[in-house]
Protein backbone atom coordinates (compact mmCIF):
# COMPACT_ATOMS: atom_id res chain seq x y z
CA MET A 1 106.70 155.59 139.55
CA TYR A 2 107.60 155.93 143.23
CA SER A 3 107.24 159.03 145.34
CA HIS A 4 109.62 157.82 148.06
CA VAL A 5 110.88 154.85 150.03
CA THR A 6 111.38 154.71 153.80
CA VAL A 7 113.35 152.45 156.10
CA GLY A 8 112.99 152.42 159.84
CA THR A 9 115.62 152.83 162.51
CA ASN A 10 115.88 152.43 166.25
CA ASP A 11 118.99 154.64 166.51
CA TYR A 12 118.53 157.77 164.43
CA ALA A 13 122.00 159.32 164.88
CA ARG A 14 123.84 156.09 164.12
CA ALA A 15 121.67 155.30 161.09
CA LYS A 16 121.90 158.87 159.77
CA ALA A 17 125.71 158.71 159.83
CA PHE A 18 125.58 155.31 158.09
CA TYR A 19 123.38 156.57 155.25
CA ASP A 20 125.38 159.78 154.83
CA ALA A 21 128.47 157.63 154.17
CA VAL A 22 126.75 154.98 152.04
CA LEU A 23 124.71 157.28 149.81
CA ALA A 24 127.50 159.80 149.10
CA PRO A 25 129.09 157.73 146.27
CA LEU A 26 125.70 157.80 144.52
CA GLY A 27 125.60 161.60 144.68
CA LEU A 28 122.72 161.56 147.17
CA GLY A 29 122.82 164.19 149.86
CA CYS A 30 120.70 164.62 152.97
CA ILE A 31 118.39 167.54 152.30
CA HIS A 32 116.17 167.02 155.34
CA ASP A 33 117.64 166.27 158.76
CA GLY A 34 115.12 166.25 161.57
CA PRO A 35 116.58 164.44 164.58
CA GLU A 36 113.82 165.81 166.84
CA GLU A 37 111.17 164.28 164.58
CA GLY A 38 113.32 161.27 163.72
CA ALA A 39 113.33 161.70 159.96
CA ALA A 40 116.05 162.30 157.38
CA GLY A 41 115.64 162.45 153.61
CA TRP A 42 118.15 162.16 150.76
CA ALA A 43 117.92 163.35 147.16
CA LEU A 44 120.16 164.04 144.19
CA SER A 45 120.07 167.79 144.73
CA ALA A 46 118.77 170.28 147.26
CA ASP A 47 116.07 171.55 144.90
CA ARG A 48 114.30 168.19 144.81
CA ALA A 49 112.09 166.42 147.31
CA PRO A 50 113.75 163.52 149.13
CA HIS A 51 113.09 160.12 147.60
CA PHE A 52 114.77 158.04 150.30
CA TRP A 53 113.80 158.52 153.93
CA LEU A 54 115.14 157.21 157.22
CA VAL A 55 112.53 157.37 160.00
CA ARG A 56 111.85 156.35 163.54
CA PRO A 57 108.44 154.66 163.29
CA PHE A 58 105.59 157.10 163.83
CA ASP A 59 103.74 154.61 166.05
CA ARG A 60 106.72 154.72 168.46
CA GLN A 61 107.10 150.93 168.24
CA ALA A 62 110.42 149.30 167.42
CA ALA A 63 111.53 149.46 163.80
CA THR A 64 111.58 145.99 162.24
CA VAL A 65 112.61 144.67 158.82
CA GLY A 66 110.30 143.16 156.24
CA ASN A 67 110.86 139.62 155.01
CA GLY A 68 111.32 139.85 151.25
CA VAL A 69 111.83 143.62 151.22
CA THR A 70 114.90 145.07 149.49
CA VAL A 71 115.54 148.72 148.69
CA ALA A 72 117.70 148.99 145.57
CA PHE A 73 119.69 152.06 144.53
CA GLU A 74 120.71 152.41 140.89
CA ALA A 75 124.35 153.23 140.23
CA PRO A 76 125.64 154.80 137.02
CA ASP A 77 128.48 152.29 136.67
CA ARG A 78 130.03 149.23 138.25
CA ALA A 79 132.75 151.23 140.00
CA THR A 80 130.03 153.07 141.92
CA VAL A 81 128.47 149.75 142.96
CA ASP A 82 131.87 148.76 144.33
CA ALA A 83 132.29 152.12 146.10
CA VAL A 84 128.86 152.03 147.74
CA TYR A 85 129.37 148.44 148.91
CA ALA A 86 132.81 149.32 150.33
CA ALA A 87 131.37 152.37 152.12
CA ALA A 88 128.54 150.28 153.53
CA ARG A 89 130.85 147.56 154.84
CA ALA A 90 133.22 150.16 156.32
CA ALA A 91 130.23 151.74 158.07
CA GLY A 92 129.24 148.41 159.65
CA ALA A 93 126.82 146.91 157.13
CA GLY A 94 126.23 143.18 157.09
CA ASP A 95 127.19 141.37 153.89
CA GLU A 96 124.36 139.91 151.81
CA GLY A 97 126.32 139.48 148.57
CA ALA A 98 129.52 141.10 147.34
CA PRO A 99 129.59 143.08 144.08
CA GLY A 100 129.32 140.95 140.99
CA LEU A 101 127.26 139.96 138.00
CA ARG A 102 123.89 138.34 138.66
CA PRO A 103 123.09 136.93 135.19
CA HIS A 104 119.99 135.17 136.50
CA TYR A 105 118.39 138.67 136.59
CA HIS A 106 119.84 139.76 133.22
CA PRO A 107 123.29 139.60 131.55
CA ASP A 108 124.41 143.09 132.65
CA TYR A 109 122.99 143.10 136.20
CA TYR A 110 125.96 144.03 138.41
CA GLY A 111 124.90 144.37 142.02
CA ALA A 112 125.83 144.14 145.67
CA TYR A 113 123.64 143.47 148.70
CA PHE A 114 124.04 144.45 152.33
CA ARG A 115 122.06 145.13 155.50
CA ASP A 116 122.07 148.45 157.28
CA LEU A 117 122.63 148.78 161.03
CA ASP A 118 118.93 148.06 161.72
CA GLY A 119 118.84 144.99 159.45
CA ASN A 120 117.13 146.58 156.43
CA LYS A 121 118.24 144.84 153.22
CA LEU A 122 119.72 147.14 150.60
CA CYS A 123 121.08 146.71 147.12
CA VAL A 124 123.12 148.87 144.79
CA VAL A 125 122.95 147.89 141.13
CA CYS A 126 124.17 148.93 137.71
CA HIS A 127 122.15 147.64 134.73
CA ARG A 128 124.58 148.84 132.07
CA PRO A 129 127.15 146.75 130.23
CA GLU A 130 130.72 147.20 131.46
């Protein structure tokens, strides 16, 4: 359904290191690293196009966060949700909700929420039963 998702940054090197650490437990690797252009892209394997991008805004204005915007990554199991959240917090992410069930979404929704170093809201979620 989606081609790709982007989040903006004001400090490319710092944000790139953050996402390398946070996305690794999901099996996502950076397959495009363009510090001179200010864009990095992650995918499940090197033979695929990136589906998650980190960019310095093309208009050269400051990157800002959207109110009500959350980028959610799907995890294969609850242990991966825990691992991604731990990696994010260790890398400096702000806490927006520790790993746990969110039955108001559905009975098996196990997710965690955090903000990256630029304030973008992120989620990692597993929809499978334990």
